[in-house]
Each structure stands twice: as structure tokens, then as C-alpha cells.
N, C-alpha and C. Protein backbone atom coordinates (compact mmCIF):
# COMPACT_ATOMS: atom_id res chain seq x y z
N MET A 1 13.30 -0.95 19.04
CA MET A 1 12.68 -1.02 17.95
C MET A 1 13.51 -0.43 16.34
N GLU A 2 13.34 -1.75 15.76
CA GLU A 2 14.03 -1.51 14.50
C GLU A 2 13.92 -0.23 13.42
N THR A 3 15.00 -0.01 12.40
CA THR A 3 14.31 1.06 11.96
C THR A 3 13.41 1.11 11.11
N ALA A 4 12.86 -0.13 10.75
CA ALA A 4 11.91 -0.58 9.37
C ALA A 4 10.62 0.22 10.75
N GLU A 5 10.32 -0.60 11.96
CA GLU A 5 9.22 -0.34 12.66
C GLU A 5 9.03 1.21 13.02
N LEU A 6 10.66 2.13 13.12
CA LEU A 6 10.66 3.42 13.49
C LEU A 6 9.81 3.79 11.97
N LEU A 7 10.44 3.85 11.03
CA LEU A 7 10.24 4.64 9.85
C LEU A 7 8.70 4.20 9.61
N SER A 8 8.06 3.05 9.95
CA SER A 8 6.40 2.98 9.23
C SER A 8 5.76 3.56 10.10
N LEU A 9 5.88 3.40 11.69
CA LEU A 9 5.44 4.27 12.54
C LEU A 9 5.41 5.83 12.10
N VAL A 10 6.13 6.43 11.66
CA VAL A 10 6.33 8.15 11.59
C VAL A 10 5.45 8.24 10.00
N ALA A 11 5.72 7.29 8.95
CA ALA A 11 4.81 7.34 7.66
C ALA A 11 3.54 7.37 8.40
N PHE A 12 2.54 6.34 9.19
CA PHE A 12 1.72 6.29 9.65
C PHE A 12 1.28 7.32 10.53
N ILE A 13 2.03 8.13 11.48
CA ILE A 13 1.82 9.23 12.18
C ILE A 13 1.71 10.52 11.87
N LEU A 14 1.87 10.24 9.88
CA LEU A 14 2.52 11.40 9.50
C LEU A 14 0.93 11.06 8.45
N ALA A 15 0.19 10.35 8.32
CA ALA A 15 -0.87 10.19 7.74
C ALA A 15 -2.24 10.63 8.63
N MET A 16 -2.31 10.31 9.24
CA MET A 16 -2.97 10.00 10.49
C MET A 16 -3.21 11.91 10.67
N LEU A 17 -1.88 12.45 10.49
CA LEU A 17 -1.89 14.13 11.06
C LEU A 17 -2.71 14.86 9.59
N CYS A 18 -2.29 14.27 8.52
CA CYS A 18 -2.98 14.60 7.01
C CYS A 18 -4.44 14.36 6.88
N GLY A 19 -4.98 13.55 8.03
CA GLY A 19 -6.09 12.78 7.90
C GLY A 19 -7.06 14.37 8.50
N LEU A 20 -6.31 14.63 9.71
CA LEU A 20 -6.67 15.57 11.08
C LEU A 20 -7.17 16.83 9.95
N ILE A 21 -5.57 17.63 9.28
CA ILE A 21 -5.51 18.28 8.70
C ILE A 21 -6.84 18.47 7.63
N THR A 22 -6.91 17.38 6.84
CA THR A 22 -8.03 17.54 6.13
C THR A 22 -9.44 17.63 6.56
N PHE A 23 -9.95 17.06 7.65
CA PHE A 23 -11.16 17.21 7.86
C PHE A 23 -11.05 18.31 8.53
N VAL A 24 -10.12 18.92 9.50
CA VAL A 24 -10.54 20.41 9.66
C VAL A 24 -10.79 21.46 8.79
N MET A 25 -10.07 20.69 7.35
CA MET A 25 -10.04 22.28 6.27
C MET A 25 -11.55 21.77 5.58
N LEU A 26 -11.87 20.35 6.03
CA LEU A 26 -13.69 20.49 5.26
C LEU A 26 -14.01 20.87 6.17
N ILE A 27 -14.22 20.84 7.35
CA ILE A 27 -15.01 21.59 8.39
C ILE A 27 -14.94 23.43 7.67
N VAL A 28 -13.88 23.98 7.91
CA VAL A 28 -13.54 25.10 7.62
C VAL A 28 -14.50 25.59 5.93
N LEU A 29 -14.13 24.53 5.35
CA LEU A 29 -14.39 24.93 3.62
C LEU A 29 -15.61 24.78 3.78
N GLY A 30 -16.15 23.87 4.44
CA GLY A 30 -17.69 23.39 4.52
C GLY A 30 -18.78 24.81 5.09
N ARG A 31 -18.26 25.58 6.20
CA ARG A 31 -19.04 26.47 6.85
C ARG A 31 -18.56 28.03 5.57
N THR A 32 -17.91 28.20 5.26
CA THR A 32 -17.61 29.13 4.63
C THR A 32 -17.64 29.24 3.24
N ARG A 33 -16.65 28.19 1.81
CA ARG A 33 -16.87 27.94 0.83
C ARG A 33 -17.54 27.21 0.09
N MET A 34 -18.01 26.37 1.21
CA MET A 34 -19.52 25.55 0.34
C MET A 34 -20.55 26.33 0.03
N LYS A 35 -20.64 27.41 1.30
CA LYS A 35 -22.03 28.06 1.18
C LYS A 35 -22.11 28.69 -0.07
N GLU A 36 -20.80 29.35 -0.38
CA GLU A 36 -21.09 30.20 -1.46
C GLU A 36 -21.27 29.70 -2.89
N ILE A 37 -20.42 28.03 -2.90
CA ILE A 37 -20.92 26.78 -4.40
C ILE A 37 -22.12 26.38 -3.88
N ASP A 38 -23.19 26.66 -3.03
CA ASP A 38 -24.66 25.83 -2.99
C ASP A 38 -24.97 27.30 -3.49
N LYS A 39 -24.94 28.24 -2.78
CA LYS A 39 -25.67 29.43 -3.50
C LYS A 39 -25.90 29.53 -4.91
N TYR A 40 -24.22 29.76 -5.69
CA TYR A 40 -24.78 29.51 -6.70
C TYR A 40 -25.06 28.25 -7.78
N ILE A 41 -24.78 26.76 -7.27
CA ILE A 41 -25.37 26.00 -7.96
C ILE A 41 -26.51 25.53 -7.63
N TYR A 42 -26.93 25.53 -6.88
CA TYR A 42 -28.62 25.25 -5.91
C TYR A 42 -29.60 26.97 -6.03
N GLY A 43 -29.05 27.87 -5.64
CA GLY A 43 -29.93 28.92 -5.53
C GLY A 43 -30.19 29.24 -4.14
N HIS A 44 -29.56 28.68 -2.98
CA HIS A 44 -29.82 28.98 -1.72
C HIS A 44 -28.82 28.04 -1.21
N GLU A 45 -28.62 28.44 0.31
CA GLU A 45 -27.94 27.83 1.39
C GLU A 45 -28.54 26.65 2.39
N PHE A 46 -27.76 25.73 2.84
CA PHE A 46 -28.67 24.47 2.94
C PHE A 46 -28.45 25.28 4.83
N GLU A 47 -29.77 25.29 5.51
CA GLU A 47 -29.78 25.82 6.23
C GLU A 47 -28.61 24.76 7.41
N HIS A 48 -28.68 22.92 7.75
CA HIS A 48 -28.52 22.17 8.47
C HIS A 48 -27.40 21.01 8.05
N ASP A 49 -26.37 21.65 7.64
CA ASP A 49 -25.40 20.67 6.50
C ASP A 49 -24.50 20.13 7.37
N SER A 50 -25.06 18.96 7.53
CA SER A 50 -23.77 18.30 7.89
C SER A 50 -22.63 17.97 7.54
N ILE A 51 -21.80 17.54 8.39
CA ILE A 51 -20.25 16.63 7.99
C ILE A 51 -19.81 15.81 7.04
N PHE A 52 -21.47 14.68 6.72
CA PHE A 52 -21.27 13.86 5.87
C PHE A 52 -21.67 13.85 4.81
N PHE A 53 -22.36 15.28 4.75
CA PHE A 53 -22.98 15.76 3.24
C PHE A 53 -21.94 16.82 2.95
N GLN A 54 -21.25 17.33 3.65
CA GLN A 54 -19.84 18.20 3.36
C GLN A 54 -18.60 16.81 2.50
N MET A 55 -18.51 15.98 3.32
CA MET A 55 -17.68 14.60 2.83
C MET A 55 -17.98 14.15 1.28
N ALA A 56 -19.57 13.92 1.21
CA ALA A 56 -19.46 13.35 0.19
C ALA A 56 -19.64 14.67 -1.31
N ARG A 57 -19.92 15.75 -1.20
CA ARG A 57 -19.72 17.14 -1.83
C ARG A 57 -18.44 17.67 -1.98
N LEU A 58 -17.37 17.39 -1.47
CA LEU A 58 -16.28 17.79 -1.48
C LEU A 58 -15.25 17.01 -2.70
N PRO A 59 -15.24 15.85 -3.24
CA PRO A 59 -14.63 15.50 -3.59
C PRO A 59 -15.74 16.25 -5.18
N GLN A 60 -16.33 15.79 -5.45
CA GLN A 60 -16.92 16.29 -6.33
C GLN A 60 -16.58 17.52 -7.15
N TYR A 61 -17.07 18.82 -5.69
CA TYR A 61 -15.96 19.75 -6.51
C TYR A 61 -14.65 19.55 -6.23
N ILE A 62 -14.27 19.59 -6.24
CA ILE A 62 -12.20 19.03 -6.39
C ILE A 62 -12.19 18.73 -7.58
N SER A 63 -13.07 17.79 -8.02
CA SER A 63 -12.75 16.96 -8.95
C SER A 63 -13.18 18.49 -10.81
N VAL A 64 -14.48 19.33 -10.63
CA VAL A 64 -14.18 19.82 -11.34
C VAL A 64 -13.58 21.64 -10.87
N PHE A 65 -12.81 21.98 -10.10
CA PHE A 65 -12.11 22.74 -9.86
C PHE A 65 -10.55 22.40 -10.59
N ALA A 66 -10.30 21.09 -10.27
CA ALA A 66 -8.85 20.58 -10.42
C ALA A 66 -8.22 20.85 -11.69
N SER A 67 -9.63 20.49 -13.00
CA SER A 67 -8.98 20.54 -14.58
C SER A 67 -10.22 20.82 -15.41
N ARG A 68 -9.82 22.13 -15.89
CA ARG A 68 -10.58 22.90 -16.83
C ARG A 68 -11.39 21.60 -17.68
N TRP A 69 -10.27 20.63 -18.43
CA TRP A 69 -10.54 19.65 -18.59
C TRP A 69 -12.07 18.73 -18.44
N PHE A 70 -11.85 18.24 -17.55
CA PHE A 70 -12.94 17.85 -16.74
C PHE A 70 -14.34 18.57 -16.39
N ALA A 71 -13.77 19.94 -16.38
CA ALA A 71 -15.65 20.08 -16.15
C ALA A 71 -16.21 20.63 -17.53
N LYS A 72 -15.18 20.90 -18.30
CA LYS A 72 -15.55 20.91 -20.09
C LYS A 72 -16.27 19.66 -20.58
N ARG A 73 -15.52 18.66 -20.32
CA ARG A 73 -16.24 16.99 -20.60
C ARG A 73 -17.60 16.95 -19.16
N THR A 74 -18.11 17.51 -18.15
CA THR A 74 -19.35 17.01 -17.42
C THR A 74 -19.85 17.72 -16.96
N GLY A 75 -19.86 18.99 -18.25
CA GLY A 75 -20.75 20.25 -18.92
C GLY A 75 -20.85 21.41 -17.24
N GLN A 76 -19.49 20.85 -16.75
CA GLN A 76 -19.55 22.49 -15.53
C GLN A 76 -18.68 23.29 -15.48
N LEU A 77 -18.40 23.98 -17.20
CA LEU A 77 -17.30 25.23 -17.36
C LEU A 77 -17.65 26.20 -16.90
N GLU A 78 -19.43 26.15 -16.75
CA GLU A 78 -19.62 27.68 -16.47
C GLU A 78 -19.08 28.07 -14.87
N PHE A 79 -19.76 26.76 -13.61
CA PHE A 79 -19.50 26.18 -12.35
C PHE A 79 -17.39 26.80 -12.11
N TYR A 80 -16.45 26.12 -13.76
CA TYR A 80 -15.50 26.08 -13.15
C TYR A 80 -15.10 27.53 -13.25
N GLU A 81 -15.36 28.24 -14.32
CA GLU A 81 -15.34 29.56 -14.57
C GLU A 81 -15.50 31.00 -13.60
N HIS A 82 -16.97 30.23 -12.63
CA HIS A 82 -17.36 31.31 -12.18
C HIS A 82 -16.41 31.64 -10.97
N PHE A 83 -15.83 31.04 -10.66
CA PHE A 83 -14.92 30.91 -9.39
C PHE A 83 -13.57 31.67 -9.62
N ASP A 84 -12.86 32.16 -9.11
CA ASP A 84 -11.69 32.67 -9.46
C ASP A 84 -10.32 31.38 -8.58
N LYS A 85 -9.27 31.57 -8.90
CA LYS A 85 -7.78 30.86 -8.71
C LYS A 85 -8.23 30.78 -7.61
N LYS A 86 -8.28 31.88 -6.72
CA LYS A 86 -8.35 32.11 -4.98
C LYS A 86 -9.20 31.10 -4.26
N PHE A 87 -9.80 31.28 -4.82
CA PHE A 87 -11.74 30.40 -4.27
C PHE A 87 -10.45 29.05 -4.69
N LYS A 88 -10.34 28.85 -5.22
CA LYS A 88 -10.63 27.09 -5.51
C LYS A 88 -8.95 26.40 -5.19
N ARG A 89 -7.65 27.45 -4.54
CA ARG A 89 -7.12 27.10 -3.82
C ARG A 89 -7.30 25.73 -2.58
N PRO A 90 -7.87 26.99 -1.49
CA PRO A 90 -7.96 25.19 -0.31
C PRO A 90 -8.68 24.14 -1.01
N PHE A 91 -9.83 24.00 -2.24
CA PHE A 91 -10.38 22.69 -1.78
C PHE A 91 -8.81 22.15 -2.84
N LEU A 92 -7.92 22.30 -3.89
CA LEU A 92 -6.93 21.97 -4.20
C LEU A 92 -6.09 21.36 -2.83
N VAL A 93 -5.71 22.56 -2.00
CA VAL A 93 -4.62 22.15 -1.51
C VAL A 93 -5.45 20.41 -0.29
N ALA A 94 -6.39 20.74 0.18
CA ALA A 94 -6.98 19.78 0.87
C ALA A 94 -6.57 18.50 0.43
N TYR A 95 -7.46 18.18 -1.56
CA TYR A 95 -7.25 17.50 -2.17
C TYR A 95 -5.69 17.04 -2.10
N MET A 96 -4.95 17.74 -2.51
CA MET A 96 -3.44 17.57 -2.08
C MET A 96 -3.06 16.74 -1.15
N ILE A 97 -3.29 17.32 0.54
CA ILE A 97 -3.08 16.49 1.49
C ILE A 97 -3.32 15.02 1.32
N VAL A 98 -4.80 15.11 1.16
CA VAL A 98 -5.70 13.56 1.35
C VAL A 98 -4.27 12.88 0.08
N ILE A 99 -4.14 12.94 -0.61
CA ILE A 99 -3.28 12.39 -1.55
C ILE A 99 -2.46 11.79 -0.92
N LEU A 100 -1.20 13.25 -0.24
CA LEU A 100 -0.33 12.90 0.75
C LEU A 100 -0.42 11.83 1.93
N GLY A 101 -1.98 11.64 2.66
CA GLY A 101 -1.64 10.64 3.32
C GLY A 101 -1.96 9.31 2.98
N VAL A 102 -2.84 8.98 1.74
CA VAL A 102 -2.79 8.05 1.36
C VAL A 102 -1.31 7.34 0.65
N LEU A 103 -0.40 7.88 0.05
CA LEU A 103 0.22 7.75 0.49
C LEU A 103 1.26 6.86 1.20
N LEU A 104 1.28 8.14 2.21
CA LEU A 104 1.82 7.95 3.65
C LEU A 104 1.51 6.13 3.92
N MET A 105 -0.13 6.32 4.20
CA MET A 105 -0.09 5.12 4.68
C MET A 105 0.05 4.42 3.73
N ALA A 106 -0.26 3.67 2.47
CA ALA A 106 0.53 3.03 1.74
C ALA A 106 1.76 2.49 2.44
N LEU A 107 2.97 3.79 2.18
CA LEU A 107 4.18 3.46 2.40
C LEU A 107 4.47 2.72 4.04
N SER A 108 3.51 3.54 4.92
CA SER A 108 3.48 2.45 6.35
C SER A 108 3.30 1.39 5.72
N TRP A 109 2.28 0.86 4.93
CA TRP A 109 1.82 -0.79 5.40
C TRP A 109 2.64 -1.49 4.44
N VAL A 110 3.76 -0.78 3.20
CA VAL A 110 4.44 -1.79 2.49
C VAL A 110 5.92 -1.67 3.25
N ILE A 111 6.29 -0.68 4.13
CA ILE A 111 7.27 -0.90 5.30
C ILE A 111 7.10 -1.70 6.58
N THR A 112 5.97 -2.14 6.37
CA THR A 112 5.69 -2.67 7.74
C THR A 112 5.10 -4.50 7.03
N GLU A 113 4.38 -4.72 6.27
CA GLU A 113 4.83 -6.30 5.42
C GLU A 113 5.83 -6.08 4.72
N TYR A 114 6.73 -5.74 4.13
CA TYR A 114 7.96 -6.34 3.57
C TYR A 114 9.33 -5.95 4.50
N TYR A 115 9.65 -5.50 5.04
CA TYR A 115 10.71 -5.14 5.87
C TYR A 115 10.51 -5.60 7.20
N THR A 116 9.64 -5.61 7.79
CA THR A 116 10.07 -5.89 8.97
C THR A 116 9.36 -7.78 9.23
């Protein structure tokens, strides 16, 4: 096996690992912290919250938690300020892991296309 193929394989496996870690974090966040956010925004918890619905809401919450400027621009500044930094941190960590996984996937593709 050539060095480029090996590097591509390692980057791909690491990208899949990032995806798995993010999926587990999504399940944990969906069962704990998203319920608190739903109670704050909507006034109640969703009884039968599916993983797909959580996947759709996670980017929305991350975008508001990531930047005070974005929260102010979208009119969700009160939502941003209601939760403390300790509460927001797992959402931002999940976002960073997703970005790392996407970058590793792109790196794997570039190595496969141009160096093998």
C-alpha cells in the first residue's frame, strides 16, 4: 500500500470517527439539553422527539450559541443570553467535531484524487 493511499485511508477513518462522535453527542444533547431549550423556547418538551428532528434543530441552536452577533442579528439575543457558557459548550464542541470531520473527508478525497 502506498503512502498516499494510507494517508487517505487514515483521514477517512478519522472523518468517520468524527461523525460517530457527533452522532453520539447529538443523542446525548437531544435527550438532555435540547429539552431545556425546547422548554424555554416553546414552553413545553416534545414527548416523542426523533433523532431526525434533533438533527434539524442542532444547527439552529449552534448558530445562535456560536455568536452573539448572529443571535442579535436574527432577533434571538434573549435566547443567547439566557443560557450560560457551560451550557453552550457541548453544542459548540459538537460543531467543531463536525467541521473537523468534513475537513478530514475533503482531505481524504484530495489525497485520493490527486496523489494516487
